[in-house]
């Protein structure tokens, strides 16, 4: 499910992701089974792995949050 989000070109969204009110930079990869909650900003070329949840956070260019992680307030 993707709602109210901006997704730049070259980005891959894999299966079963929930993306709400999020900005995703160019050439990023998200999922599978990732959840990006409101006010998340992913810079260019980020990698968000499986079972990752991010809320109200900014992830810098080229950063990786691999799997089974929570980043937020």
C-alpha atoms as a PDB file:
ATOM      1  CA  UNK A   1       0.000   0.000   0.000  1.00  0.00           C
ATOM      2  CA  UNK A   2       1.352   3.401  -0.979  1.00  0.00           C
ATOM      3  CA  UNK A   3      -0.426   6.614   0.048  1.00  0.00           C
ATOM      4  CA  UNK A   4       0.484  10.321  -0.177  1.00  0.00           C
ATOM      5  CA  UNK A   5       4.129   9.636  -1.009  1.00  0.00           C
ATOM      6  CA  UNK A   6       6.693  10.889  -3.519  1.00  0.00           C
ATOM      7  CA  UNK A   7       8.841   8.188  -5.109  1.00  0.00           C
ATOM      8  CA  UNK A   8      11.697   9.249  -7.386  1.00  0.00           C
ATOM      9  CA  UNK A   9      12.806   7.436 -10.558  1.00  0.00           C
ATOM     10  CA  UNK A  10      14.850   4.257 -10.445  1.00  0.00           C
ATOM     11  CA  UNK A  11      13.422   3.166  -7.094  1.00  0.00           C
ATOM     12  CA  UNK A  12      12.455  -0.464  -6.521  1.00  0.00           C
ATOM     13  CA  UNK A  13       9.604  -1.247  -4.132  1.00  0.00           C
ATOM     14  CA  UNK A  14       9.446  -4.957  -3.335  1.00  0.00           C
ATOM     15  CA  UNK A  15       6.451  -7.028  -2.165  1.00  0.00           C
ATOM     16  CA  UNK A  16       4.233  -6.310   0.845  1.00  0.00           C
ATOM     17  CA  UNK A  17       5.485  -2.821   1.751  1.00  0.00           C
ATOM     18  CA  UNK A  18       3.405  -0.166   3.486  1.00  0.00           C
ATOM     19  CA  UNK A  19       4.446   3.386   2.568  1.00  0.00           C
ATOM     20  CA  UNK A  20       2.616   6.405   4.031  1.00  0.00           C
ATOM     21  CA  UNK A  21       3.458  10.127   3.640  1.00  0.00           C
ATOM     22  CA  UNK A  22       7.058   9.381   2.684  1.00  0.00           C
ATOM     23  CA  UNK A  23       9.663  10.818   0.308  1.00  0.00           C
ATOM     24  CA  UNK A  24      11.940   8.259  -1.367  1.00  0.00           C
ATOM     25  CA  UNK A  25      14.999   9.460  -3.303  1.00  0.00           C
ATOM     26  CA  UNK A  26      16.279   8.220  -6.672  1.00  0.00           C
ATOM     27  CA  UNK A  27      17.690   4.725  -7.125  1.00  0.00           C
ATOM     28  CA  UNK A  28      16.587   3.452  -3.713  1.00  0.00           C
ATOM     29  CA  UNK A  29      15.410  -0.037  -2.811  1.00  0.00           C
ATOM     30  CA  UNK A  30      12.668  -0.771  -0.271  1.00  0.00           C
ATOM     31  CA  UNK A  31      11.494  -4.090   1.129  1.00  0.00           C
ATOM     32  CA  UNK A  32      10.148  -6.642   1.066  1.00  0.00           C
ATOM     33  CA  UNK A  33       7.861  -6.312   4.090  1.00  0.00           C
ATOM     34  CA  UNK A  34       9.098  -2.799   4.972  1.00  0.00           C
ATOM     35  CA  UNK A  35       6.926  -0.159   6.608  1.00  0.00           C
ATOM     36  CA  UNK A  36       7.673   3.519   6.015  1.00  0.00           C
ATOM     37  CA  UNK A  37       5.463   5.613   8.268  1.00  0.00           C
ATOM     38  CA  UNK A  38       4.615   9.343   8.044  1.00  0.00           C
ATOM     39  CA  UNK A  39       7.388  11.956   7.878  1.00  0.00           C
ATOM     40  CA  UNK A  40      10.027   9.519   6.624  1.00  0.00           C
ATOM     41  CA  UNK A  41      12.554  10.910   4.138  1.00  0.00           C
ATOM     42  CA  UNK A  42      14.938   8.589   2.308  1.00  0.00           C
ATOM     43  CA  UNK A  43      17.788  10.245   0.415  1.00  0.00           C
ATOM     44  CA  UNK A  44      19.164   9.030  -2.900  1.00  0.00           C
ATOM     45  CA  UNK A  45      20.438   5.429  -3.218  1.00  0.00           C
ATOM     46  CA  UNK A  46      19.234   4.202   0.182  1.00  0.00           C
ATOM     47  CA  UNK A  47      18.474   0.553   0.900  1.00  0.00           C
ATOM     48  CA  UNK A  48      15.706  -0.374   3.313  1.00  0.00           C
ATOM     49  CA  UNK A  49      15.638  -4.112   3.928  1.00  0.00           C
ATOM     50  CA  UNK A  50      13.036  -6.649   4.995  1.00  0.00           C
ATOM     51  CA  UNK A  51      10.956  -6.140   8.137  1.00  0.00           C
ATOM     52  CA  UNK A  52      12.263  -2.589   8.684  1.00  0.00           C
ATOM     53  CA  UNK A  53      10.021   0.132  10.120  1.00  0.00           C
ATOM     54  CA  UNK A  54      10.897   3.829   9.867  1.00  0.00           C
ATOM     55  CA  UNK A  55       8.893   6.700  11.371  1.00  0.00           C
ATOM     56  CA  UNK A  56       9.676  10.460  11.428  1.00  0.00           C
ATOM     57  CA  UNK A  57      13.301   9.945  10.401  1.00  0.00           C
ATOM     58  CA  UNK A  58      15.690  11.020   7.669  1.00  0.00           C
ATOM     59  CA  UNK A  59      18.012   8.411   6.171  1.00  0.00           C
ATOM     60  CA  UNK A  60      21.093   9.855   4.430  1.00  0.00           C
ATOM     61  CA  UNK A  61      22.389   9.239   0.902  1.00  0.00           C
ATOM     62  CA  UNK A  62      23.703   5.716   0.293  1.00  0.00           C
ATOM     63  CA  UNK A  63      22.677   4.499   3.766  1.00  0.00           C
ATOM     64  CA  UNK A  64      21.471   0.970   4.463  1.00  0.00           C
ATOM     65  CA  UNK A  65      19.016  -0.195   7.098  1.00  0.00           C
ATOM     66  CA  UNK A  66      19.186  -3.905   6.466  1.00  0.00           C
ATOM     67  CA  UNK A  67      16.617  -6.024   8.304  1.00  0.00           C
ATOM     68  CA  UNK A  68      14.620  -6.341  11.513  1.00  0.00           C
ATOM     69  CA  UNK A  69      15.195  -2.698  12.465  1.00  0.00           C
ATOM     70  CA  UNK A  70      13.207   0.242  13.814  1.00  0.00           C
ATOM     71  CA  UNK A  71      14.295   3.841  13.268  1.00  0.00           C
ATOM     72  CA  UNK A  72      12.080   6.578  14.623  1.00  0.00           C
ATOM     73  CA  UNK A  73      11.036   8.815  17.445  1.00  0.00           C
END
